[in-house]
């Protein structure tokens, strides 16, 4: 992997305090049983939540799609609403990876790069280099599950993007490994709702087209699904995980 900076700072945000593309640091995580060591022979799944959510929300998906895989769920660094812990001990609060809910253009490139580099840096510091890693994300996290491939293609075994969208790559250096991806044929699952009112249809189409050119894509659109997930989608993910030798599929 070529040398890179940790940030590509741009303009000041009027939504979330800070600068688009500023350096970020992942400081909070939620591990599965055994601190990620219960199933060392299977890929570890890194869960990435969306706007206004937290690491506990996205981790709940794992019991539906890969209950026997290890996972770690990361909290986004930008605080929308500070939280502590619930009575059950799970974290609460609202966080974001980006300085807006759905940034566009150069703002999105800069934020996507900064967040992906922060996640990749966390992975390097906390997961053994010989352990296969599969990022799974929803919305902002869905974008980042794919953008991790665009900043460090060799590190990630596959990726799962749920209701994700695409950074356009107009800022130089914001997706440094795009040219390497087609040859790798990295398996990617892209699921989205055809009734999504948050991510415009043209953004979904752009994501699908880009993934089809750069990865080994499996995509599913769900007619009655909005900006959410569904049991039907979970069933498709389980099948995809088995086909790509990522999960046993046993529930």
Foldseek 3Di string as FASTA:
>chain_A
DDDADLWDWDDAFPAFGDTQTDAFAFDDKDWDPPNQPQCQVFAEEEEEEAFFFAQVVRVVLCVLFFVRGIYMYTGAGGFPFDWQADPVRHTDGGGHQASDRDDADPSCLRSLQNSLSNVVVVCVVRPDQPHAYEYEYAASSLQNSVLVCQLPVVRHQAYEHEQYFYHPPPDPPSRNCQVVQQVVQREYEYEYEPQEPPQDPVRVVVVVVSCVRRHVYDYDYHDPDYSDDDSVNSVVSNVVCVVSVNHPSDD
